[in-house]
Amino acid sequence: MEKPPIGFIGLGVMGAPMARHLAAAGHRLTIHDVNRAAADALAGDLGDITVAATPRDVAAASDIVITMLPSGREVRDVALGEAGLAEGFKTGSLLLDTSSSEPWHTTEIAARLHDIGVAMVDAPVSGAEAGAKNAELVFMVGGAPEDVARVAPLFDILGRQSFHLGPIGAGHAMKSINNLITAITFMATGEGLIAGKRYGLDPAVMIEVLNLSTGMSWVSQTHFAQRIFNRRFDDPFKLDLMVKDINIALQVAGDLDLPLSAEARRLWLAAQESVPEASSVSALIRSIEVKTGVDLLPGSSRTE
């Protein structure tokens, strides 16, 4: 069966490697990014790829368009704004949004597209930059079963597993909850390591203990030894985006009393205010270091 032509909008840390995998799998790609240089560079690397001037042009050339953008606001603008996807889509096309978007924006976009005969699936991802590069993403999917089945082959190219959580918007709700839990775990791990460092323990050894014990998590395995102890603080995921996802999760929760989550939001907002704009999510730990006066440098000060 001939592979459908794919459009891809959003060629940043996650989007560029995802587009590369689709091209390698034999899909004809039409791409667009607000940073034209990023699109041109990717096309230069991959060869037979079309760079489109507008989202409308991407939609006109594609059966399925994938978006990987910072939030649902950008997705809404790309889909419904001037020279947007809605102006170029053919009847029967499909929008696959892999961004971390607000579910309410997603349902609004889906309803507007439905009116012109276009389907939508939301499928945000977990796995970070490494997952995108290695095609090991996990997809959290919302949409009608027939629409999800249509894009399932793309999940197989881009990731290692997908979960269909319910109707449109369900994937984005799950992604915000996943990131809320990650944010709380990240802060708790950082505070625990700082407490141990103050006592004189070696953070490098502490993280090894955690990674073989019940305190183990994705952040303990992938973040501290790789980005904190070496003082790089260079995770490409932005702290602002984590705060956005925490806020989405608490809006998803509605009027539920979730005191731990509410306190986590307060603390993340305080950290956001204390670091430069557009800081890495790693800056959270630096903000805790500054506040406590304890730096997570490898080494122990305990003596026999």
C-alpha atoms as a PDB file:
ATOM      1  CA  MET A   1       0.000   0.000   0.000  1.00  0.00           C
ATOM      2  CA  GLU A   2       1.308   3.462  -0.909  1.00  0.00           C
ATOM      3  CA  LYS A   3       2.344   5.468   2.120  1.00  0.00           C
ATOM      4  CA  PRO A   4       0.335   8.650   2.664  1.00  0.00           C
ATOM      5  CA  PRO A   5       2.085  11.996   2.200  1.00  0.00           C
ATOM      6  CA  ILE A   6       2.799  13.544   5.575  1.00  0.00           C
ATOM      7  CA  GLY A   7       3.026  17.158   6.658  1.00  0.00           C
ATOM      8  CA  PHE A   8       5.093  18.109   9.697  1.00  0.00           C
ATOM      9  CA  ILE A   9       4.933  21.439  11.527  1.00  0.00           C
ATOM     10  CA  GLY A  10       7.300  22.209  14.404  1.00  0.00           C
ATOM     11  CA  LEU A  11      10.912  21.173  13.840  1.00  0.00           C
ATOM     12  CA  GLY A  12      12.453  21.758  17.237  1.00  0.00           C
ATOM     13  CA  VAL A  13      14.117  19.385  19.684  1.00  0.00           C
ATOM     14  CA  MET A  14      11.396  16.753  19.259  1.00  0.00           C
ATOM     15  CA  GLY A  15       9.970  17.496  15.842  1.00  0.00           C
ATOM     16  CA  ALA A  16      13.151  17.380  13.771  1.00  0.00           C
ATOM     17  CA  PRO A  17      14.143  13.811  14.727  1.00  0.00           C
ATOM     18  CA  MET A  18      10.550  12.658  14.352  1.00  0.00           C
ATOM     19  CA  ALA A  19      10.438  14.062  10.823  1.00  0.00           C
ATOM     20  CA  ARG A  20      13.726  12.313  10.052  1.00  0.00           C
ATOM     21  CA  HIS A  21      12.268   8.942  11.040  1.00  0.00           C
ATOM     22  CA  LEU A  22       9.219   9.469   8.846  1.00  0.00           C
ATOM     23  CA  ALA A  23      11.393  10.373   5.860  1.00  0.00           C
ATOM     24  CA  ALA A  24      13.598   7.336   6.473  1.00  0.00           C
ATOM     25  CA  ALA A  25      10.465   5.160   6.495  1.00  0.00           C
ATOM     26  CA  GLY A  26       9.616   6.350   2.981  1.00  0.00           C
ATOM     27  CA  HIS A  27       6.937   8.962   3.599  1.00  0.00           C
ATOM     28  CA  ARG A  28       6.887  11.978   1.307  1.00  0.00           C
ATOM     29  CA  LEU A  29       7.207  14.970   3.636  1.00  0.00           C
ATOM     30  CA  THR A  30       6.140  18.592   3.449  1.00  0.00           C
ATOM     31  CA  ILE A  31       7.482  20.581   6.389  1.00  0.00           C
ATOM     32  CA  HIS A  32       7.076  24.011   7.961  1.00  0.00           C
ATOM     33  CA  ASP A  33       8.500  25.846  10.954  1.00  0.00           C
ATOM     34  CA  VAL A  34       8.235  29.437  12.122  1.00  0.00           C
ATOM     35  CA  ASN A  35      12.044  29.351  11.913  1.00  0.00           C
ATOM     36  CA  ARG A  36      12.474  28.894   8.164  1.00  0.00           C
ATOM     37  CA  ALA A  37      16.176  28.176   8.617  1.00  0.00           C
ATOM     38  CA  ALA A  38      15.357  25.080  10.677  1.00  0.00           C
ATOM     39  CA  ALA A  39      13.115  23.737   7.929  1.00  0.00           C
ATOM     40  CA  ASP A  40      15.657  24.506   5.218  1.00  0.00           C
ATOM     41  CA  ALA A  41      18.426  22.817   7.202  1.00  0.00           C
ATOM     42  CA  LEU A  42      16.374  19.660   7.676  1.00  0.00           C
ATOM     43  CA  ALA A  43      15.428  19.584   4.007  1.00  0.00           C
ATOM     44  CA  GLY A  44      19.083  20.024   3.105  1.00  0.00           C
ATOM     45  CA  ASP A  45      20.018  17.036   5.241  1.00  0.00           C
ATOM     46  CA  LEU A  46      17.272  14.731   4.011  1.00  0.00           C
ATOM     47  CA  GLY A  47      16.984  15.692   0.379  1.00  0.00           C
ATOM     48  CA  ASP A  48      13.566  14.937  -1.100  1.00  0.00           C
ATOM     49  CA  ILE A  49      11.500  17.070   1.293  1.00  0.00           C
ATOM     50  CA  THR A  50       9.362  20.087   0.464  1.00  0.00           C
ATOM     51  CA  VAL A  51       9.568  23.193   2.633  1.00  0.00           C
ATOM     52  CA  ALA A  52       6.211  24.974   2.678  1.00  0.00           C
ATOM     53  CA  ALA A  53       5.754  28.690   3.249  1.00  0.00           C
ATOM     54  CA  THR A  54       2.565  28.355   5.307  1.00  0.00           C
ATOM     55  CA  PRO A  55       0.585  25.711   7.209  1.00  0.00           C
ATOM     56  CA  ARG A  56      -2.076  25.989   4.490  1.00  0.00           C
ATOM     57  CA  ASP A  57       0.482  24.792   1.951  1.00  0.00           C
ATOM     58  CA  VAL A  58       1.447  21.890   4.205  1.00  0.00           C
ATOM     59  CA  ALA A  59      -2.179  20.785   4.479  1.00  0.00           C
ATOM     60  CA  ALA A  60      -2.751  21.061   0.734  1.00  0.00           C
ATOM     61  CA  ALA A  61       0.123  18.653   0.078  1.00  0.00           C
ATOM     62  CA  SER A  62      -0.626  16.118   2.827  1.00  0.00           C
ATOM     63  CA  ASP A  63      -3.137  13.462   3.838  1.00  0.00           C
ATOM     64  CA  ILE A  64      -1.976  13.601   7.464  1.00  0.00           C
ATOM     65  CA  VAL A  65      -0.375  16.609   9.158  1.00  0.00           C
ATOM     66  CA  ILE A  66       1.598  16.212  12.393  1.00  0.00           C
ATOM     67  CA  THR A  67       2.125  19.140  14.747  1.00  0.00           C
ATOM     68  CA  MET A  68       4.802  19.278  17.458  1.00  0.00           C
ATOM     69  CA  LEU A  69       4.465  22.738  18.987  1.00  0.00           C
ATOM     70  CA  PRO A  70       4.909  24.357  22.427  1.00  0.00           C
ATOM     71  CA  SER A  71       1.232  24.453  23.430  1.00  0.00           C
ATOM     72  CA  GLY A  72      -2.338  24.231  22.239  1.00  0.00           C
ATOM     73  CA  ARG A  73      -2.414  27.946  21.492  1.00  0.00           C
ATOM     74  CA  GLU A  74       0.186  27.519  18.767  1.00  0.00           C
ATOM     75  CA  VAL A  75      -1.621  24.458  17.440  1.00  0.00           C
ATOM     76  CA  ARG A  76      -4.881  26.416  17.296  1.00  0.00           C
ATOM     77  CA  ASP A  77      -3.192  29.279  15.458  1.00  0.00           C
ATOM     78  CA  VAL A  78      -1.562  26.898  12.972  1.00  0.00           C
ATOM     79  CA  ALA A  79      -4.783  24.978  12.419  1.00  0.00           C
ATOM     80  CA  LEU A  80      -7.379  27.741  12.413  1.00  0.00           C
ATOM     81  CA  GLY A  81      -5.499  30.990  11.864  1.00  0.00           C
ATOM     82  CA  GLU A  82      -4.779  32.949   8.708  1.00  0.00           C
ATOM     83  CA  ALA A  83      -3.199  30.723   6.016  1.00  0.00           C
ATOM     84  CA  GLY A  84      -3.745  27.872   8.475  1.00  0.00           C
ATOM     85  CA  LEU A  85      -4.253  24.185   7.970  1.00  0.00           C
ATOM     86  CA  ALA A  86      -8.031  24.497   7.750  1.00  0.00           C
ATOM     87  CA  GLU A  87      -7.647  26.577   4.592  1.00  0.00           C
ATOM     88  CA  GLY A  88      -5.619  23.858   2.865  1.00  0.00           C
ATOM     89  CA  PHE A  89      -7.004  20.567   4.129  1.00  0.00           C
ATOM     90  CA  LYS A  90      -8.858  18.314   1.737  1.00  0.00           C
ATOM     91  CA  THR A  91     -11.947  16.472   2.960  1.00  0.00           C
ATOM     92  CA  GLY A  92     -10.822  13.271   4.640  1.00  0.00           C
ATOM     93  CA  SER A  93      -7.505  14.639   5.874  1.00  0.00           C
ATOM     94  CA  LEU A  94      -6.321  14.209   9.471  1.00  0.00           C
ATOM     95  CA  LEU A  95      -4.467  16.357  11.993  1.00  0.00           C
ATOM     96  CA  LEU A  96      -2.251  14.451  14.446  1.00  0.00           C
ATOM     97  CA  ASP A  97      -1.189  16.748  17.296  1.00  0.00           C
ATOM     98  CA  THR A  98       1.784  15.380  19.242  1.00  0.00           C
ATOM     99  CA  SER A  99       2.330  18.617  21.182  1.00  0.00           C
ATOM    100  CA  SER A 100       1.707  18.942  24.918  1.00  0.00           C
ATOM    101  CA  SER A 101      -1.525  20.857  24.446  1.00  0.00           C
ATOM    102  CA  GLU A 102      -4.439  21.971  26.578  1.00  0.00           C
ATOM    103  CA  PRO A 103      -7.333  19.495  26.119  1.00  0.00           C
ATOM    104  CA  TRP A 104      -9.868  22.327  25.792  1.00  0.00           C
ATOM    105  CA  HIS A 105      -7.960  23.780  22.842  1.00  0.00           C
ATOM    106  CA  THR A 106      -7.785  20.308  21.329  1.00  0.00           C
ATOM    107  CA  THR A 107     -11.522  19.717  21.500  1.00  0.00           C
ATOM    108  CA  GLU A 108     -12.173  23.168  20.041  1.00  0.00           C
ATOM    109  CA  ILE A 109      -9.831  22.526  17.120  1.00  0.00           C
ATOM    110  CA  ALA A 110     -11.267  19.058  16.533  1.00  0.00           C
ATOM    111  CA  ALA A 111     -14.823  20.405  16.409  1.00  0.00           C
ATOM    112  CA  ARG A 112     -13.888  23.112  13.930  1.00  0.00           C
ATOM    113  CA  LEU A 113     -12.056  20.640  11.712  1.00  0.00           C
ATOM    114  CA  HIS A 114     -14.915  18.143  11.893  1.00  0.00           C
ATOM    115  CA  ASP A 115     -17.152  20.783  10.344  1.00  0.00           C
ATOM    116  CA  ILE A 116     -14.983  20.738   7.206  1.00  0.00           C
ATOM    117  CA  GLY A 117     -14.618  16.964   7.051  1.00  0.00           C
ATOM    118  CA  VAL A 118     -11.200  16.665   8.713  1.00  0.00           C
ATOM    119  CA  ALA A 119     -10.424  14.291  11.583  1.00  0.00           C
ATOM    120  CA  MET A 120      -8.100  14.903  14.531  1.00  0.00           C
ATOM    121  CA  VAL A 121      -6.125  12.706  16.914  1.00  0.00           C
ATOM    122  CA  ASP A 122      -4.166  13.995  19.918  1.00  0.00           C
ATOM    123  CA  ALA A 123      -1.073  11.969  20.743  1.00  0.00           C
ATOM    124  CA  PRO A 124       1.400  13.758  23.012  1.00  0.00           C
ATOM    125  CA  VAL A 125       4.580  11.891  23.812  1.00  0.00           C
ATOM    126  CA  SER A 126       6.873  10.897  26.638  1.00  0.00           C
ATOM    127  CA  GLY A 127      10.522  10.064  26.149  1.00  0.00           C
ATOM    128  CA  ALA A 128      12.151  13.477  25.759  1.00  0.00           C
ATOM    129  CA  GLU A 129      14.828  14.242  23.176  1.00  0.00           C
ATOM    130  CA  ALA A 130      16.470  10.827  23.450  1.00  0.00           C
ATOM    131  CA  GLY A 131      13.152   9.098  22.826  1.00  0.00           C
ATOM    132  CA  ALA A 132      12.553  11.190  19.714  1.00  0.00           C
ATOM    133  CA  LYS A 133      16.036  10.543  18.361  1.00  0.00           C
ATOM    134  CA  ASN A 134      15.907   6.810  19.043  1.00  0.00           C
ATOM    135  CA  ALA A 135      12.284   6.325  17.921  1.00  0.00           C
ATOM    136  CA  GLU A 136      11.367   5.163  21.430  1.00  0.00           C
ATOM    137  CA  LEU A 137       8.578   7.604  22.239  1.00  0.00           C
ATOM    138  CA  VAL A 138       5.482   6.586  24.164  1.00  0.00           C
ATOM    139  CA  PHE A 139       2.266   8.018  22.713  1.00  0.00           C
ATOM    140  CA  MET A 140      -0.773   8.935  24.836  1.00  0.00           C
ATOM    141  CA  VAL A 141      -3.629   8.952  22.380  1.00  0.00           C
ATOM    142  CA  GLY A 142      -7.099  10.471  22.197  1.00  0.00           C
ATOM    143  CA  GLY A 143      -9.519  10.205  19.295  1.00  0.00           C
ATOM    144  CA  ALA A 144     -12.119   8.080  17.557  1.00  0.00           C
ATOM    145  CA  PRO A 145     -10.990   4.447  17.144  1.00  0.00           C
ATOM    146  CA  GLU A 146     -11.050   4.594  13.349  1.00  0.00           C
ATOM    147  CA  ASP A 147      -8.910   7.741  13.339  1.00  0.00           C
ATOM    148  CA  VAL A 148      -6.440   6.282  15.831  1.00  0.00           C
ATOM    149  CA  ALA A 149      -6.149   3.140  13.688  1.00  0.00           C
ATOM    150  CA  ARG A 150      -5.316   5.322  10.704  1.00  0.00           C
ATOM    151  CA  VAL A 151      -2.262   6.868  12.394  1.00  0.00           C
ATOM    152  CA  ALA A 152      -1.147   3.751  14.290  1.00  0.00           C
ATOM    153  CA  PRO A 153       1.519   2.901  11.653  1.00  0.00           C
ATOM    154  CA  LEU A 154       3.134   6.279  12.355  1.00  0.00           C
ATOM    155  CA  PHE A 155       3.355   5.461  16.060  1.00  0.00           C
ATOM    156  CA  ASP A 156       5.210   2.275  15.109  1.00  0.00           C
ATOM    157  CA  ILE A 157       7.761   4.341  13.171  1.00  0.00           C
ATOM    158  CA  LEU A 158       8.248   6.991  15.837  1.00  0.00           C
ATOM    159  CA  GLY A 159       7.939   5.142  19.114  1.00  0.00           C
ATOM    160  CA  ARG A 160       7.884   1.950  21.104  1.00  0.00           C
ATOM    161  CA  GLN A 161       4.349   1.987  22.470  1.00  0.00           C
ATOM    162  CA  SER A 162       1.038   3.802  22.250  1.00  0.00           C
ATOM    163  CA  PHE A 163      -1.969   3.873  24.561  1.00  0.00           C
ATOM    164  CA  HIS A 164      -5.467   4.859  23.429  1.00  0.00           C
ATOM    165  CA  LEU A 165      -6.953   6.627  26.457  1.00  0.00           C
ATOM    166  CA  GLY A 166     -10.313   7.742  25.100  1.00  0.00           C
ATOM    167  CA  PRO A 167     -11.909  10.399  22.883  1.00  0.00           C
ATOM    168  CA  ILE A 168     -10.249  13.516  21.560  1.00  0.00           C
ATOM    169  CA  GLY A 169      -8.420  15.404  24.317  1.00  0.00           C
ATOM    170  CA  ALA A 170      -7.789  12.323  26.462  1.00  0.00           C
ATOM    171  CA  GLY A 171      -4.188  12.039  25.333  1.00  0.00           C
ATOM    172  CA  HIS A 172      -3.414  15.615  26.273  1.00  0.00           C
ATOM    173  CA  ALA A 173      -5.064  15.194  29.667  1.00  0.00           C
ATOM    174  CA  MET A 174      -2.879  12.151  30.331  1.00  0.00           C
ATOM    175  CA  LYS A 175       0.281  13.973  29.232  1.00  0.00           C
ATOM    176  CA  SER A 176      -0.350  16.814  31.663  1.00  0.00           C
ATOM    177  CA  ILE A 177      -0.878  14.329  34.498  1.00  0.00           C
ATOM    178  CA  ASN A 178       2.301  12.485  33.551  1.00  0.00           C
ATOM    179  CA  ASN A 179       4.258  15.743  33.669  1.00  0.00           C
ATOM    180  CA  LEU A 180       2.677  16.781  36.950  1.00  0.00           C
ATOM    181  CA  ILE A 181       3.906  13.541  38.507  1.00  0.00           C
ATOM    182  CA  THR A 182       7.326  13.999  36.888  1.00  0.00           C
ATOM    183  CA  ALA A 183       7.565  17.555  38.225  1.00  0.00           C
ATOM    184  CA  ILE A 184       6.794  16.461  41.782  1.00  0.00           C
ATOM    185  CA  THR A 185       9.258  13.565  41.536  1.00  0.00           C
ATOM    186  CA  PHE A 186      11.958  15.847  40.139  1.00  0.00           C
ATOM    187  CA  MET A 187      11.610  18.321  42.982  1.00  0.00           C
ATOM    188  CA  ALA A 188      11.479  15.594  45.635  1.00  0.00           C
ATOM    189  CA  THR A 189      14.598  13.922  44.258  1.00  0.00           C
ATOM    190  CA  GLY A 190      16.477  17.209  44.167  1.00  0.00           C
ATOM    191  CA  GLU A 191      15.535  18.077  47.734  1.00  0.00           C
ATOM    192  CA  GLY A 192      16.495  14.601  48.945  1.00  0.00           C
ATOM    193  CA  LEU A 193      19.906  14.786  47.312  1.00  0.00           C
ATOM    194  CA  ILE A 194      20.500  18.241  48.769  1.00  0.00           C
ATOM    195  CA  ALA A 195      19.550  16.983  52.248  1.00  0.00           C
ATOM    196  CA  GLY A 196      22.031  14.145  51.862  1.00  0.00           C
ATOM    197  CA  LYS A 197      24.748  16.464  50.567  1.00  0.00           C
ATOM    198  CA  ARG A 198      24.256  18.747  53.577  1.00  0.00           C
ATOM    199  CA  TYR A 199      24.766  15.692  55.807  1.00  0.00           C
ATOM    200  CA  GLY A 200      27.961  14.892  53.939  1.00  0.00           C
ATOM    201  CA  LEU A 201      26.875  12.143  51.561  1.00  0.00           C
ATOM    202  CA  ASP A 202      28.158  11.969  47.990  1.00  0.00           C
ATOM    203  CA  PRO A 203      25.299  12.818  45.561  1.00  0.00           C
ATOM    204  CA  ALA A 204      26.893  10.660  42.868  1.00  0.00           C
ATOM    205  CA  VAL A 205      26.660   7.622  45.153  1.00  0.00           C
ATOM    206  CA  MET A 206      23.214   8.626  46.397  1.00  0.00           C
ATOM    207  CA  ILE A 207      21.827   8.617  42.852  1.00  0.00           C
ATOM    208  CA  GLU A 208      23.254   5.128  42.305  1.00  0.00           C
ATOM    209  CA  VAL A 209      21.465   3.981  45.464  1.00  0.00           C
ATOM    210  CA  LEU A 210      18.187   5.553  44.333  1.00  0.00           C
ATOM    211  CA  ASN A 211      18.441   3.935  40.929  1.00  0.00           C
ATOM    212  CA  LEU A 212      18.585   0.490  42.553  1.00  0.00           C
ATOM    213  CA  SER A 213      16.024   1.257  45.263  1.00  0.00           C
ATOM    214  CA  THR A 214      12.424   2.323  45.681  1.00  0.00           C
ATOM    215  CA  GLY A 215      13.339   5.986  45.154  1.00  0.00           C
ATOM    216  CA  MET A 216      14.214   5.279  41.511  1.00  0.00           C
ATOM    217  CA  SER A 217      12.469   7.315  38.795  1.00  0.00           C
ATOM    218  CA  TRP A 218      12.956   8.469  35.229  1.00  0.00           C
ATOM    219  CA  VAL A 219      14.508  11.707  36.453  1.00  0.00           C
ATOM    220  CA  SER A 220      16.888   9.911  38.810  1.00  0.00           C
ATOM    221  CA  GLN A 221      18.015   7.719  35.928  1.00  0.00           C
ATOM    222  CA  THR A 222      18.362  10.351  33.235  1.00  0.00           C
ATOM    223  CA  HIS A 223      18.968  13.750  34.776  1.00  0.00           C
ATOM    224  CA  PHE A 224      21.223  14.226  37.778  1.00  0.00           C
ATOM    225  CA  ALA A 225      24.407  12.415  36.742  1.00  0.00           C
ATOM    226  CA  GLN A 226      23.938  13.607  33.170  1.00  0.00           C
ATOM    227  CA  ARG A 227      23.068  17.291  33.712  1.00  0.00           C
ATOM    228  CA  ILE A 228      23.333  18.406  37.348  1.00  0.00           C
ATOM    229  CA  PHE A 229      26.487  16.968  38.900  1.00  0.00           C
ATOM    230  CA  ASN A 230      28.507  18.174  35.878  1.00  0.00           C
ATOM    231  CA  ARG A 231      26.925  21.656  36.282  1.00  0.00           C
ATOM    232  CA  ARG A 232      25.589  21.797  32.731  1.00  0.00           C
ATOM    233  CA  PHE A 233      21.911  22.275  33.640  1.00  0.00           C
ATOM    234  CA  ASP A 234      21.185  21.721  29.975  1.00  0.00           C
ATOM    235  CA  ASP A 235      18.049  19.633  29.512  1.00  0.00           C
ATOM    236  CA  PRO A 236      16.460  20.983  26.300  1.00  0.00           C
ATOM    237  CA  PHE A 237      12.984  20.859  27.823  1.00  0.00           C
ATOM    238  CA  LYS A 238      12.103  24.299  29.150  1.00  0.00           C
ATOM    239  CA  LEU A 239      11.057  25.026  32.717  1.00  0.00           C
ATOM    240  CA  ASP A 240       8.278  27.261  31.381  1.00  0.00           C
ATOM    241  CA  LEU A 241       6.767  24.283  29.555  1.00  0.00           C
ATOM    242  CA  MET A 242       6.782  22.156  32.697  1.00  0.00           C
ATOM    243  CA  VAL A 243       4.935  24.918  34.546  1.00  0.00           C
ATOM    244  CA  LYS A 244       2.451  25.052  31.673  1.00  0.00           C
ATOM    245  CA  ASP A 245       1.811  21.316  31.966  1.00  0.00           C
ATOM    246  CA  ILE A 246       1.393  21.508  35.747  1.00  0.00           C
ATOM    247  CA  ASN A 247      -1.234  24.206  35.235  1.00  0.00           C
ATOM    248  CA  ILE A 248      -3.020  22.106  32.618  1.00  0.00           C
ATOM    249  CA  ALA A 249      -3.114  19.094  34.947  1.00  0.00           C
ATOM    250  CA  LEU A 250      -4.656  21.121  37.765  1.00  0.00           C
ATOM    251  CA  GLN A 251      -7.267  22.528  35.390  1.00  0.00           C
ATOM    252  CA  VAL A 252      -8.005  18.974  34.278  1.00  0.00           C
ATOM    253  CA  ALA A 253      -8.500  18.117  37.974  1.00  0.00           C
ATOM    254  CA  GLY A 254     -11.117  20.858  38.306  1.00  0.00           C
ATOM    255  CA  ASP A 255     -12.260  21.499  41.872  1.00  0.00           C
ATOM    256  CA  LEU A 256     -10.583  18.452  43.415  1.00  0.00           C
ATOM    257  CA  ASP A 257      -8.573  19.130  46.571  1.00  0.00           C
ATOM    258  CA  LEU A 258      -5.050  18.023  45.611  1.00  0.00           C
ATOM    259  CA  PRO A 259      -2.803  19.681  48.188  1.00  0.00           C
ATOM    260  CA  LEU A 260       0.482  18.115  47.058  1.00  0.00           C
ATOM    261  CA  SER A 261      -0.125  19.119  43.451  1.00  0.00           C
ATOM    262  CA  ALA A 262      -1.192  22.624  44.466  1.00  0.00           C
ATOM    263  CA  GLU A 263       1.945  23.072  46.562  1.00  0.00           C
ATOM    264  CA  ALA A 264       4.087  21.724  43.727  1.00  0.00           C
ATOM    265  CA  ARG A 265       2.613  24.339  41.411  1.00  0.00           C
ATOM    266  CA  ARG A 266       3.382  27.086  43.931  1.00  0.00           C
ATOM    267  CA  LEU A 267       6.986  25.925  44.259  1.00  0.00           C
ATOM    268  CA  TRP A 268       7.508  25.551  40.513  1.00  0.00           C
ATOM    269  CA  LEU A 269       6.085  29.026  39.938  1.00  0.00           C
ATOM    270  CA  ALA A 270       8.501  30.399  42.524  1.00  0.00           C
ATOM    271  CA  ALA A 271      11.374  28.650  40.769  1.00  0.00           C
ATOM    272  CA  GLN A 272      10.214  30.030  37.428  1.00  0.00           C
ATOM    273  CA  GLU A 273      10.314  33.564  38.822  1.00  0.00           C
ATOM    274  CA  SER A 274      13.835  33.068  40.180  1.00  0.00           C
ATOM    275  CA  VAL A 275      15.563  31.940  36.968  1.00  0.00           C
ATOM    276  CA  PRO A 276      16.120  33.650  33.598  1.00  0.00           C
ATOM    277  CA  GLU A 277      13.387  33.423  30.988  1.00  0.00           C
ATOM    278  CA  ALA A 278      13.540  30.322  28.757  1.00  0.00           C
ATOM    279  CA  SER A 279      15.702  28.427  31.259  1.00  0.00           C
ATOM    280  CA  SER A 280      16.076  24.665  31.028  1.00  0.00           C
ATOM    281  CA  VAL A 281      13.938  22.553  33.337  1.00  0.00           C
ATOM    282  CA  SER A 282      17.284  21.683  34.958  1.00  0.00           C
ATOM    283  CA  ALA A 283      17.303  25.192  36.414  1.00  0.00           C
ATOM    284  CA  LEU A 284      14.775  23.972  38.970  1.00  0.00           C
ATOM    285  CA  ILE A 285      17.587  22.187  40.810  1.00  0.00           C
ATOM    286  CA  ARG A 286      19.870  25.209  40.566  1.00  0.00           C
ATOM    287  CA  SER A 287      17.127  27.327  42.138  1.00  0.00           C
ATOM    288  CA  ILE A 288      16.919  24.900  45.074  1.00  0.00           C
ATOM    289  CA  GLU A 289      20.706  24.965  45.417  1.00  0.00           C
ATOM    290  CA  VAL A 290      20.706  28.759  45.573  1.00  0.00           C
ATOM    291  CA  LYS A 291      17.894  28.789  48.120  1.00  0.00           C
ATOM    292  CA  THR A 292      19.557  26.220  50.409  1.00  0.00           C
ATOM    293  CA  GLY A 293      23.174  27.189  49.838  1.00  0.00           C
ATOM    294  CA  VAL A 294      24.030  23.567  48.985  1.00  0.00           C
ATOM    295  CA  ASP A 295      25.470  22.640  45.596  1.00  0.00           C
ATOM    296  CA  LEU A 296      25.105  19.106  44.277  1.00  0.00           C
ATOM    297  CA  LEU A 297      28.780  18.574  43.554  1.00  0.00           C
ATOM    298  CA  PRO A 298      30.053  14.975  43.654  1.00  0.00           C
ATOM    299  CA  GLY A 299      32.045  14.062  46.716  1.00  0.00           C
ATOM    300  CA  SER A 300      31.538  13.207  50.370  1.00  0.00           C
ATOM    301  CA  SER A 301      32.488  15.165  53.479  1.00  0.00           C
ATOM    302  CA  ARG A 302      31.701  12.356  55.895  1.00  0.00           C
ATOM    303  CA  THR A 303      34.634  10.859  57.771  1.00  0.00           C
ATOM    304  CA  GLU A 304      35.009   7.593  59.643  1.00  0.00           C
END
